[in-house]
């Protein structure tokens, strides 16, 4: 008997990075400058801030890497690997070396 293909079996619910990596949900692209100038839709300004949504076990165990889930971070998007997991494609796997700052409240 042939096994029936079930498309729901291929739907993933989580992404867990491996090695010294995190998964970041990129912030929305800006459509207006701070001065109030509206930007055309065809201009793409790279947004390099986002929220950490998942951390690898290696990063979580490392005491010298001060990242926790939901931290807002600044990252270099050049080495980020897009995850085709959501329709808007805002999830990226980022090596820890490409996370350059963490935003903290006092």
PDB file of N, CA and C in Angstrom:
ATOM      1  N   UNK A   1       0.828  -1.186   0.000  1.00  0.00           N
ATOM      2  CA  UNK A   1       0.000   0.000   0.000  1.00  0.00           C
ATOM      3  C   UNK A   1       0.870   1.247   0.000  1.00  0.00           C
ATOM      4  N   UNK A   2       0.518   2.176  -0.839  1.00  0.00           N
ATOM      5  CA  UNK A   2       1.260   3.428  -0.907  1.00  0.00           C
ATOM      6  C   UNK A   2       0.821   4.352   0.229  1.00  0.00           C
ATOM      7  N   UNK A   3       1.805   5.033   0.805  1.00  0.00           N
ATOM      8  CA  UNK A   3       1.520   5.964   1.885  1.00  0.00           C
ATOM      9  C   UNK A   3       0.957   7.256   1.300  1.00  0.00           C
ATOM     10  N   UNK A   4      -0.124   7.744   1.887  1.00  0.00           N
ATOM     11  CA  UNK A   4      -0.718   8.994   1.417  1.00  0.00           C
ATOM     12  C   UNK A   4       0.118  10.171   1.897  1.00  0.00           C
ATOM     13  N   UNK A   5       0.345  11.120   1.002  1.00  0.00           N
ATOM     14  CA  UNK A   5       1.058  12.339   1.359  1.00  0.00           C
ATOM     15  C   UNK A   5       0.097  13.265   2.091  1.00  0.00           C
ATOM     16  N   UNK A   6       0.488  13.724   3.251  1.00  0.00           N
ATOM     17  CA  UNK A   6      -0.310  14.672   4.010  1.00  0.00           C
ATOM     18  C   UNK A   6       0.446  15.990   4.054  1.00  0.00           C
ATOM     19  N   UNK A   7      -0.056  17.044   3.367  1.00  0.00           N
ATOM     20  CA  UNK A   7       0.677  18.311   3.341  1.00  0.00           C
ATOM     21  C   UNK A   7       0.853  18.923   4.718  1.00  0.00           C
ATOM     22  N   UNK A   8      -0.008  18.605   5.665  1.00  0.00           N
ATOM     23  CA  UNK A   8       0.115  19.175   7.011  1.00  0.00           C
ATOM     24  C   UNK A   8       1.302  18.595   7.764  1.00  0.00           C
ATOM     25  N   UNK A   9       1.808  17.433   7.335  1.00  0.00           N
ATOM     26  CA  UNK A   9       2.964  16.839   8.004  1.00  0.00           C
ATOM     27  C   UNK A   9       4.217  17.678   7.810  1.00  0.00           C
ATOM     28  N   UNK A  10       4.302  18.456   6.730  1.00  0.00           N
ATOM     29  CA  UNK A  10       5.492  19.239   6.428  1.00  0.00           C
ATOM     30  C   UNK A  10       5.465  20.640   7.027  1.00  0.00           C
ATOM     31  N   UNK A  11       4.428  20.998   7.780  1.00  0.00           N
ATOM     32  CA  UNK A  11       4.346  22.327   8.373  1.00  0.00           C
ATOM     33  C   UNK A  11       5.162  22.336   9.663  1.00  0.00           C
ATOM     34  N   UNK A  12       6.152  23.227   9.699  1.00  0.00           N
ATOM     35  CA  UNK A  12       7.011  23.339  10.871  1.00  0.00           C
ATOM     36  C   UNK A  12       6.443  24.397  11.809  1.00  0.00           C
ATOM     37  N   UNK A  13       6.656  24.220  13.103  1.00  0.00           N
ATOM     38  CA  UNK A  13       6.139  25.167  14.081  1.00  0.00           C
ATOM     39  C   UNK A  13       7.231  25.969  14.755  1.00  0.00           C
ATOM     40  N   UNK A  14       8.447  25.429  14.829  1.00  0.00           N
ATOM     41  CA  UNK A  14       9.544  26.145  15.477  1.00  0.00           C
ATOM     42  C   UNK A  14      10.818  26.016  14.644  1.00  0.00           C
ATOM     43  N   UNK A  15      11.711  26.950  14.885  1.00  0.00           N
ATOM     44  CA  UNK A  15      13.041  26.898  14.275  1.00  0.00           C
ATOM     45  C   UNK A  15      14.039  26.980  15.421  1.00  0.00           C
ATOM     46  N   UNK A  16      14.904  25.988  15.531  1.00  0.00           N
ATOM     47  CA  UNK A  16      15.912  25.976  16.584  1.00  0.00           C
ATOM     48  C   UNK A  16      17.288  26.078  15.951  1.00  0.00           C
ATOM     49  N   UNK A  17      17.988  27.185  16.204  1.00  0.00           N
ATOM     50  CA  UNK A  17      19.319  27.333  15.615  1.00  0.00           C
ATOM     51  C   UNK A  17      20.313  26.365  16.260  1.00  0.00           C
ATOM     52  N   UNK A  18      21.361  26.060  15.525  1.00  0.00           N
ATOM     53  CA  UNK A  18      22.403  25.152  15.992  1.00  0.00           C
ATOM     54  C   UNK A  18      23.730  25.899  15.951  1.00  0.00           C
ATOM     55  N   UNK A  19      24.618  25.590  16.887  1.00  0.00           N
ATOM     56  CA  UNK A  19      25.902  26.276  16.946  1.00  0.00           C
ATOM     57  C   UNK A  19      25.739  27.635  17.601  1.00  0.00           C
ATOM     58  N   UNK A  20      26.627  28.548  17.277  1.00  0.00           N
ATOM     59  CA  UNK A  20      26.570  29.886  17.873  1.00  0.00           C
ATOM     60  C   UNK A  20      25.696  30.784  17.009  1.00  0.00           C
ATOM     61  N   UNK A  21      24.383  30.485  17.024  1.00  0.00           N
ATOM     62  CA  UNK A  21      23.424  31.224  16.201  1.00  0.00           C
ATOM     63  C   UNK A  21      22.154  31.522  16.983  1.00  0.00           C
ATOM     64  N   UNK A  22      21.441  32.546  16.522  1.00  0.00           N
ATOM     65  CA  UNK A  22      20.136  32.889  17.064  1.00  0.00           C
ATOM     66  C   UNK A  22      19.179  33.096  15.894  1.00  0.00           C
ATOM     67  N   UNK A  23      17.885  33.025  16.171  1.00  0.00           N
ATOM     68  CA  UNK A  23      16.873  33.363  15.174  1.00  0.00           C
ATOM     69  C   UNK A  23      16.325  34.726  15.565  1.00  0.00           C
ATOM     70  N   UNK A  24      16.315  35.648  14.600  1.00  0.00           N
ATOM     71  CA  UNK A  24      15.863  37.017  14.847  1.00  0.00           C
ATOM     72  C   UNK A  24      14.695  37.322  13.928  1.00  0.00           C
ATOM     73  N   UNK A  25      13.652  37.938  14.514  1.00  0.00           N
ATOM     74  CA  UNK A  25      12.542  38.454  13.707  1.00  0.00           C
ATOM     75  C   UNK A  25      12.853  39.917  13.427  1.00  0.00           C
ATOM     76  N   UNK A  26      13.125  40.209  12.161  1.00  0.00           N
ATOM     77  CA  UNK A  26      13.509  41.556  11.741  1.00  0.00           C
ATOM     78  C   UNK A  26      12.353  42.521  11.960  1.00  0.00           C
ATOM     79  N   UNK A  27      12.679  43.737  12.415  1.00  0.00           N
ATOM     80  CA  UNK A  27      11.666  44.781  12.553  1.00  0.00           C
ATOM     81  C   UNK A  27      11.147  45.175  11.183  1.00  0.00           C
ATOM     82  N   UNK A  28       9.979  45.782  11.158  1.00  0.00           N
ATOM     83  CA  UNK A  28       9.373  46.243   9.907  1.00  0.00           C
ATOM     84  C   UNK A  28      10.289  47.271   9.240  1.00  0.00           C
ATOM     85  N   UNK A  29      10.327  47.248   7.901  1.00  0.00           N
ATOM     86  CA  UNK A  29      11.075  48.247   7.158  1.00  0.00           C
ATOM     87  C   UNK A  29      10.422  49.605   7.363  1.00  0.00           C
ATOM     88  N   UNK A  30      11.257  50.627   7.447  1.00  0.00           N
ATOM     89  CA  UNK A  30      10.751  51.972   7.664  1.00  0.00           C
ATOM     90  C   UNK A  30      10.278  52.573   6.354  1.00  0.00           C
ATOM     91  N   UNK A  31       9.097  53.180   6.383  1.00  0.00           N
ATOM     92  CA  UNK A  31       8.520  53.824   5.204  1.00  0.00           C
ATOM     93  C   UNK A  31       8.555  55.346   5.324  1.00  0.00           C
ATOM     94  N   UNK A  32       9.077  55.847   6.466  1.00  0.00           N
ATOM     95  CA  UNK A  32       9.134  57.291   6.683  1.00  0.00           C
ATOM     96  C   UNK A  32      10.371  57.598   7.523  1.00  0.00           C
ATOM     97  N   UNK A  33      11.045  58.706   7.192  1.00  0.00           N
ATOM     98  CA  UNK A  33      12.219  59.109   7.967  1.00  0.00           C
ATOM     99  C   UNK A  33      11.768  59.749   9.268  1.00  0.00           C
ATOM    100  N   UNK A  34      12.697  59.937  10.205  1.00  0.00           N
ATOM    101  CA  UNK A  34      12.366  60.594  11.475  1.00  0.00           C
ATOM    102  C   UNK A  34      11.893  62.025  11.244  1.00  0.00           C
ATOM    103  N   UNK A  35      12.383  62.650  10.182  1.00  0.00           N
ATOM    104  CA  UNK A  35      11.966  64.016   9.855  1.00  0.00           C
ATOM    105  C   UNK A  35      10.604  64.088   9.200  1.00  0.00           C
ATOM    106  N   UNK A  36       9.970  62.953   8.899  1.00  0.00           N
ATOM    107  CA  UNK A  36       8.631  62.931   8.346  1.00  0.00           C
ATOM    108  C   UNK A  36       8.568  62.775   6.838  1.00  0.00           C
ATOM    109  N   UNK A  37       9.699  62.549   6.178  1.00  0.00           N
ATOM    110  CA  UNK A  37       9.704  62.377   4.723  1.00  0.00           C
ATOM    111  C   UNK A  37       9.233  60.970   4.389  1.00  0.00           C
ATOM    112  N   UNK A  38       8.203  60.890   3.559  1.00  0.00           N
ATOM    113  CA  UNK A  38       7.661  59.593   3.131  1.00  0.00           C
ATOM    114  C   UNK A  38       8.574  58.996   2.065  1.00  0.00           C
ATOM    115  N   UNK A  39       8.968  57.747   2.248  1.00  0.00           N
ATOM    116  CA  UNK A  39       9.852  57.067   1.306  1.00  0.00           C
ATOM    117  C   UNK A  39       9.023  56.295   0.281  1.00  0.00           C
ATOM    118  N   UNK A  40       9.473  56.266  -0.984  1.00  0.00           N
ATOM    119  CA  UNK A  40       8.750  55.485  -1.993  1.00  0.00           C
ATOM    120  C   UNK A  40       8.792  53.995  -1.655  1.00  0.00           C
ATOM    121  N   UNK A  41       7.755  53.269  -2.113  1.00  0.00           N
ATOM    122  CA  UNK A  41       7.673  51.835  -1.819  1.00  0.00           C
ATOM    123  C   UNK A  41       8.798  51.033  -2.461  1.00  0.00           C
ATOM    124  N   UNK A  42       9.349  51.508  -3.589  1.00  0.00           N
ATOM    125  CA  UNK A  42      10.383  50.731  -4.276  1.00  0.00           C
ATOM    126  C   UNK A  42      11.767  50.924  -3.678  1.00  0.00           C
ATOM    127  N   UNK A  43      11.929  51.825  -2.700  1.00  0.00           N
ATOM    128  CA  UNK A  43      13.225  51.993  -2.027  1.00  0.00           C
ATOM    129  C   UNK A  43      13.263  51.034  -0.847  1.00  0.00           C
ATOM    130  N   UNK A  44      14.335  50.284  -0.749  1.00  0.00           N
ATOM    131  CA  UNK A  44      14.467  49.356   0.365  1.00  0.00           C
ATOM    132  C   UNK A  44      15.595  49.819   1.258  1.00  0.00           C
ATOM    133  N   UNK A  45      15.245  50.267   2.449  1.00  0.00           N
ATOM    134  CA  UNK A  45      16.238  50.678   3.428  1.00  0.00           C
ATOM    135  C   UNK A  45      16.439  49.492   4.366  1.00  0.00           C
ATOM    136  N   UNK A  46      17.657  49.007   4.480  1.00  0.00           N
ATOM    137  CA  UNK A  46      17.851  47.818   5.318  1.00  0.00           C
ATOM    138  C   UNK A  46      17.565  48.111   6.782  1.00  0.00           C
ATOM    139  N   UNK A  47      16.697  47.307   7.359  1.00  0.00           N
ATOM    140  CA  UNK A  47      16.412  47.401   8.783  1.00  0.00           C
ATOM    141  C   UNK A  47      17.273  46.350   9.457  1.00  0.00           C
ATOM    142  N   UNK A  48      18.088  46.777  10.357  1.00  0.00           N
ATOM    143  CA  UNK A  48      19.002  45.813  10.971  1.00  0.00           C
ATOM    144  C   UNK A  48      18.752  45.679  12.470  1.00  0.00           C
ATOM    145  N   UNK A  49      17.524  45.959  12.883  1.00  0.00           N
ATOM    146  CA  UNK A  49      17.140  45.689  14.262  1.00  0.00           C
ATOM    147  C   UNK A  49      16.059  44.622  14.242  1.00  0.00           C
ATOM    148  N   UNK A  50      15.959  43.923  15.359  1.00  0.00           N
ATOM    149  CA  UNK A  50      14.949  42.888  15.465  1.00  0.00           C
ATOM    150  C   UNK A  50      14.923  42.301  16.855  1.00  0.00           C
ATOM    151  N   UNK A  51      14.084  41.301  17.043  1.00  0.00           N
ATOM    152  CA  UNK A  51      13.943  40.606  18.324  1.00  0.00           C
ATOM    153  C   UNK A  51      14.442  39.174  18.207  1.00  0.00           C
ATOM    154  N   UNK A  52      15.165  38.742  19.216  1.00  0.00           N
ATOM    155  CA  UNK A  52      15.626  37.358  19.277  1.00  0.00           C
ATOM    156  C   UNK A  52      14.419  36.492  19.628  1.00  0.00           C
ATOM    157  N   UNK A  53      14.093  35.546  18.764  1.00  0.00           N
ATOM    158  CA  UNK A  53      12.951  34.667  19.033  1.00  0.00           C
ATOM    159  C   UNK A  53      13.385  33.262  19.443  1.00  0.00           C
ATOM    160  N   UNK A  54      14.621  32.894  19.124  1.00  0.00           N
ATOM    161  CA  UNK A  54      15.113  31.571  19.493  1.00  0.00           C
ATOM    162  C   UNK A  54      16.635  31.621  19.616  1.00  0.00           C
ATOM    163  N   UNK A  55      17.145  30.906  20.602  1.00  0.00           N
ATOM    164  CA  UNK A  55      18.590  30.874  20.876  1.00  0.00           C
ATOM    165  C   UNK A  55      19.041  29.421  20.872  1.00  0.00           C
ATOM    166  N   UNK A  56      20.196  29.171  20.275  1.00  0.00           N
ATOM    167  CA  UNK A  56      20.721  27.801  20.293  1.00  0.00           C
ATOM    168  C   UNK A  56      21.142  27.426  21.715  1.00  0.00           C
ATOM    169  N   UNK A  57      21.214  26.138  21.970  1.00  0.00           N
ATOM    170  CA  UNK A  57      21.638  25.648  23.285  1.00  0.00           C
ATOM    171  C   UNK A  57      23.060  26.115  23.601  1.00  0.00           C
ATOM    172  N   UNK A  58      23.914  26.170  22.585  1.00  0.00           N
ATOM    173  CA  UNK A  58      25.299  26.601  22.793  1.00  0.00           C
ATOM    174  C   UNK A  58      25.367  28.056  23.252  1.00  0.00           C
ATOM    175  N   UNK A  59      24.564  28.922  22.660  1.00  0.00           N
ATOM    176  CA  UNK A  59      24.542  30.336  23.057  1.00  0.00           C
ATOM    177  C   UNK A  59      23.921  30.483  24.441  1.00  0.00           C
ATOM    178  N   UNK A  60      22.875  29.728  24.699  1.00  0.00           N
ATOM    179  CA  UNK A  60      22.200  29.797  25.999  1.00  0.00           C
ATOM    180  C   UNK A  60      23.124  29.395  27.142  1.00  0.00           C
ATOM    181  N   UNK A  61      24.014  28.425  26.901  1.00  0.00           N
ATOM    182  CA  UNK A  61      24.927  27.933  27.938  1.00  0.00           C
ATOM    183  C   UNK A  61      26.158  28.821  28.109  1.00  0.00           C
ATOM    184  N   UNK A  62      26.475  29.641  27.108  1.00  0.00           N
ATOM    185  CA  UNK A  62      27.690  30.468  27.160  1.00  0.00           C
ATOM    186  C   UNK A  62      27.476  31.671  28.071  1.00  0.00           C
ATOM    187  N   UNK A  63      28.276  31.769  29.107  1.00  0.00           N
ATOM    188  CA  UNK A  63      28.134  32.883  30.057  1.00  0.00           C
ATOM    189  C   UNK A  63      28.675  34.197  29.499  1.00  0.00           C
ATOM    190  N   UNK A  64      29.484  34.136  28.444  1.00  0.00           N
ATOM    191  CA  UNK A  64      30.068  35.355  27.878  1.00  0.00           C
ATOM    192  C   UNK A  64      29.197  35.972  26.774  1.00  0.00           C
ATOM    193  N   UNK A  65      28.045  35.388  26.480  1.00  0.00           N
ATOM    194  CA  UNK A  65      27.127  35.924  25.460  1.00  0.00           C
ATOM    195  C   UNK A  65      25.858  36.373  26.176  1.00  0.00           C
ATOM    196  N   UNK A  66      25.671  37.690  26.321  1.00  0.00           N
ATOM    197  CA  UNK A  66      24.560  38.199  27.131  1.00  0.00           C
ATOM    198  C   UNK A  66      23.244  38.336  26.371  1.00  0.00           C
ATOM    199  N   UNK A  67      22.795  37.281  25.713  1.00  0.00           N
ATOM    200  CA  UNK A  67      21.540  37.345  24.966  1.00  0.00           C
ATOM    201  C   UNK A  67      20.499  36.422  25.592  1.00  0.00           C
ATOM    202  N   UNK A  68      19.267  36.908  25.624  1.00  0.00           N
ATOM    203  CA  UNK A  68      18.158  36.077  26.050  1.00  0.00           C
ATOM    204  C   UNK A  68      17.035  36.239  25.026  1.00  0.00           C
ATOM    205  N   UNK A  69      16.095  35.332  25.064  1.00  0.00           N
ATOM    206  CA  UNK A  69      14.968  35.400  24.138  1.00  0.00           C
ATOM    207  C   UNK A  69      14.218  36.713  24.330  1.00  0.00           C
ATOM    208  N   UNK A  70      13.779  37.299  23.236  1.00  0.00           N
ATOM    209  CA  UNK A  70      13.025  38.553  23.150  1.00  0.00           C
ATOM    210  C   UNK A  70      13.883  39.805  23.314  1.00  0.00           C
ATOM    211  N   UNK A  71      15.201  39.682  23.420  1.00  0.00           N
ATOM    212  CA  UNK A  71      16.064  40.868  23.418  1.00  0.00           C
ATOM    213  C   UNK A  71      15.921  41.585  22.091  1.00  0.00           C
ATOM    214  N   UNK A  72      15.936  42.921  22.135  1.00  0.00           N
ATOM    215  CA  UNK A  72      15.994  43.706  20.898  1.00  0.00           C
ATOM    216  C   UNK A  72      17.471  43.870  20.577  1.00  0.00           C
ATOM    217  N   UNK A  73      17.858  43.568  19.332  1.00  0.00           N
ATOM    218  CA  UNK A  73      19.271  43.581  18.954  1.00  0.00           C
ATOM    219  C   UNK A  73      19.487  44.345  17.652  1.00  0.00           C
ATOM    220  N   UNK A  74      20.722  44.747  17.468  1.00  0.00           N
ATOM    221  CA  UNK A  74      21.212  45.332  16.222  1.00  0.00           C
ATOM    222  C   UNK A  74      22.096  44.265  15.597  1.00  0.00           C
ATOM    223  N   UNK A  75      21.843  43.936  14.324  1.00  0.00           N
ATOM    224  CA  UNK A  75      22.632  42.878  13.707  1.00  0.00           C
ATOM    225  C   UNK A  75      23.017  43.230  12.284  1.00  0.00           C
ATOM    226  N   UNK A  76      24.091  42.610  11.821  1.00  0.00           N
ATOM    227  CA  UNK A  76      24.575  42.786  10.454  1.00  0.00           C
ATOM    228  C   UNK A  76      23.791  41.830   9.568  1.00  0.00           C
ATOM    229  N   UNK A  77      22.957  42.364   8.657  1.00  0.00           N
ATOM    230  CA  UNK A  77      22.114  41.487   7.847  1.00  0.00           C
ATOM    231  C   UNK A  77      22.844  40.772   6.713  1.00  0.00           C
ATOM    232  N   UNK A  78      24.096  41.148   6.474  1.00  0.00           N
ATOM    233  CA  UNK A  78      24.837  40.568   5.341  1.00  0.00           C
ATOM    234  C   UNK A  78      24.986  39.052   5.462  1.00  0.00           C
ATOM    235  N   UNK A  79      25.245  38.559   6.653  1.00  0.00           N
ATOM    236  CA  UNK A  79      25.425  37.122   6.833  1.00  0.00           C
ATOM    237  C   UNK A  79      24.171  36.407   7.309  1.00  0.00           C
ATOM    238  N   UNK A  80      23.052  37.127   7.417  1.00  0.00           N
ATOM    239  CA  UNK A  80      21.820  36.526   7.925  1.00  0.00           C
ATOM    240  C   UNK A  80      21.211  35.595   6.877  1.00  0.00           C
ATOM    241  N   UNK A  81      20.709  34.460   7.330  1.00  0.00           N
ATOM    242  CA  UNK A  81      20.103  33.470   6.441  1.00  0.00           C
ATOM    243  C   UNK A  81      18.585  33.547   6.613  1.00  0.00           C
ATOM    244  N   UNK A  82      17.864  33.927   5.558  1.00  0.00           N
ATOM    245  CA  UNK A  82      16.406  34.012   5.688  1.00  0.00           C
ATOM    246  C   UNK A  82      15.782  32.635   5.868  1.00  0.00           C
ATOM    247  N   UNK A  83      14.759  32.577   6.702  1.00  0.00           N
ATOM    248  CA  UNK A  83      14.033  31.336   6.952  1.00  0.00           C
ATOM    249  C   UNK A  83      12.690  31.450   6.251  1.00  0.00           C
ATOM    250  N   UNK A  84      12.435  30.579   5.293  1.00  0.00           N
ATOM    251  CA  UNK A  84      11.173  30.591   4.564  1.00  0.00           C
ATOM    252  C   UNK A  84      10.138  29.852   5.401  1.00  0.00           C
ATOM    253  N   UNK A  85       9.715  30.488   6.476  1.00  0.00           N
ATOM    254  CA  UNK A  85       8.876  29.864   7.490  1.00  0.00           C
ATOM    255  C   UNK A  85       7.542  30.584   7.596  1.00  0.00           C
ATOM    256  N   UNK A  86       7.546  31.870   7.278  1.00  0.00           N
ATOM    257  CA  UNK A  86       6.350  32.697   7.339  1.00  0.00           C
ATOM    258  C   UNK A  86       6.184  33.377   5.992  1.00  0.00           C
ATOM    259  N   UNK A  87       4.997  33.833   5.709  1.00  0.00           N
ATOM    260  CA  UNK A  87       4.741  34.496   4.442  1.00  0.00           C
ATOM    261  C   UNK A  87       5.515  35.779   4.253  1.00  0.00           C
ATOM    262  N   UNK A  88       5.735  36.540   5.336  1.00  0.00           N
ATOM    263  CA  UNK A  88       6.427  37.827   5.201  1.00  0.00           C
ATOM    264  C   UNK A  88       7.943  37.697   5.268  1.00  0.00           C
ATOM    265  N   UNK A  89       8.447  36.490   5.555  1.00  0.00           N
ATOM    266  CA  UNK A  89       9.886  36.213   5.524  1.00  0.00           C
ATOM    267  C   UNK A  89      10.708  37.190   6.346  1.00  0.00           C
ATOM    268  N   UNK A  90      10.344  37.392   7.596  1.00  0.00           N
ATOM    269  CA  UNK A  90      11.087  38.290   8.466  1.00  0.00           C
ATOM    270  C   UNK A  90      11.956  37.550   9.472  1.00  0.00           C
ATOM    271  N   UNK A  91      12.005  36.216   9.404  1.00  0.00           N
ATOM    272  CA  UNK A  91      12.855  35.445  10.305  1.00  0.00           C
ATOM    273  C   UNK A  91      14.204  35.188   9.649  1.00  0.00           C
ATOM    274  N   UNK A  92      15.263  35.347  10.452  1.00  0.00           N
ATOM    275  CA  UNK A  92      16.620  35.137   9.961  1.00  0.00           C
ATOM    276  C   UNK A  92      17.427  34.376  10.992  1.00  0.00           C
ATOM    277  N   UNK A  93      18.243  33.422  10.523  1.00  0.00           N
ATOM    278  CA  UNK A  93      19.233  32.765  11.374  1.00  0.00           C
ATOM    279  C   UNK A  93      20.503  33.591  11.258  1.00  0.00           C
ATOM    280  N   UNK A  94      21.017  34.026  12.424  1.00  0.00           N
ATOM    281  CA  UNK A  94      22.146  34.951  12.452  1.00  0.00           C
ATOM    282  C   UNK A  94      23.235  34.380  13.342  1.00  0.00           C
ATOM    283  N   UNK A  95      24.462  34.351  12.827  1.00  0.00           N
ATOM    284  CA  UNK A  95      25.593  33.930  13.655  1.00  0.00           C
ATOM    285  C   UNK A  95      25.814  34.968  14.743  1.00  0.00           C
ATOM    286  N   UNK A  96      26.214  34.519  15.905  1.00  0.00           N
ATOM    287  CA  UNK A  96      26.355  35.392  17.065  1.00  0.00           C
ATOM    288  C   UNK A  96      27.345  36.533  16.804  1.00  0.00           C
ATOM    289  N   UNK A  97      28.348  36.288  15.941  1.00  0.00           N
ATOM    290  CA  UNK A  97      29.321  37.333  15.616  1.00  0.00           C
ATOM    291  C   UNK A  97      28.676  38.494  14.863  1.00  0.00           C
ATOM    292  N   UNK A  98      27.517  38.251  14.211  1.00  0.00           N
ATOM    293  CA  UNK A  98      26.818  39.299  13.468  1.00  0.00           C
ATOM    294  C   UNK A  98      25.820  40.074  14.318  1.00  0.00           C
ATOM    295  N   UNK A  99      25.633  39.674  15.581  1.00  0.00           N
ATOM    296  CA  UNK A  99      24.831  40.466  16.498  1.00  0.00           C
ATOM    297  C   UNK A  99      25.795  41.444  17.152  1.00  0.00           C
ATOM    298  N   UNK A 100      25.599  42.743  16.867  1.00  0.00           N
ATOM    299  CA  UNK A 100      26.608  43.715  17.269  1.00  0.00           C
ATOM    300  C   UNK A 100      26.209  44.537  18.492  1.00  0.00           C
ATOM    301  N   UNK A 101      24.933  44.532  18.875  1.00  0.00           N
ATOM    302  CA  UNK A 101      24.501  45.281  20.065  1.00  0.00           C
ATOM    303  C   UNK A 101      23.168  44.750  20.578  1.00  0.00           C
ATOM    304  N   UNK A 102      22.957  44.940  21.870  1.00  0.00           N
ATOM    305  CA  UNK A 102      21.699  44.595  22.511  1.00  0.00           C
ATOM    306  C   UNK A 102      21.150  45.875  23.138  1.00  0.00           C
ATOM    307  N   UNK A 103      19.859  46.137  22.913  1.00  0.00           N
ATOM    308  CA  UNK A 103      19.220  47.309  23.518  1.00  0.00           C
ATOM    309  C   UNK A 103      18.705  46.922  24.907  1.00  0.00           C
ATOM    310  N   UNK A 104      19.083  47.699  25.911  1.00  0.00           N
ATOM    311  CA  UNK A 104      18.658  47.415  27.298  1.00  0.00           C
ATOM    312  C   UNK A 104      18.026  48.661  27.911  1.00  0.00           C
ATOM    313  N   UNK A 105      17.043  48.442  28.770  1.00  0.00           N
ATOM    314  CA  UNK A 105      16.458  49.538  29.554  1.00  0.00           C
ATOM    315  C   UNK A 105      17.133  49.532  30.914  1.00  0.00           C
ATOM    316  N   UNK A 106      17.339  50.704  31.464  1.00  0.00           N
ATOM    317  CA  UNK A 106      17.976  50.802  32.801  1.00  0.00           C
ATOM    318  C   UNK A 106      17.037  50.382  33.889  1.00  0.00           C
TER     319      UNK A 106
END
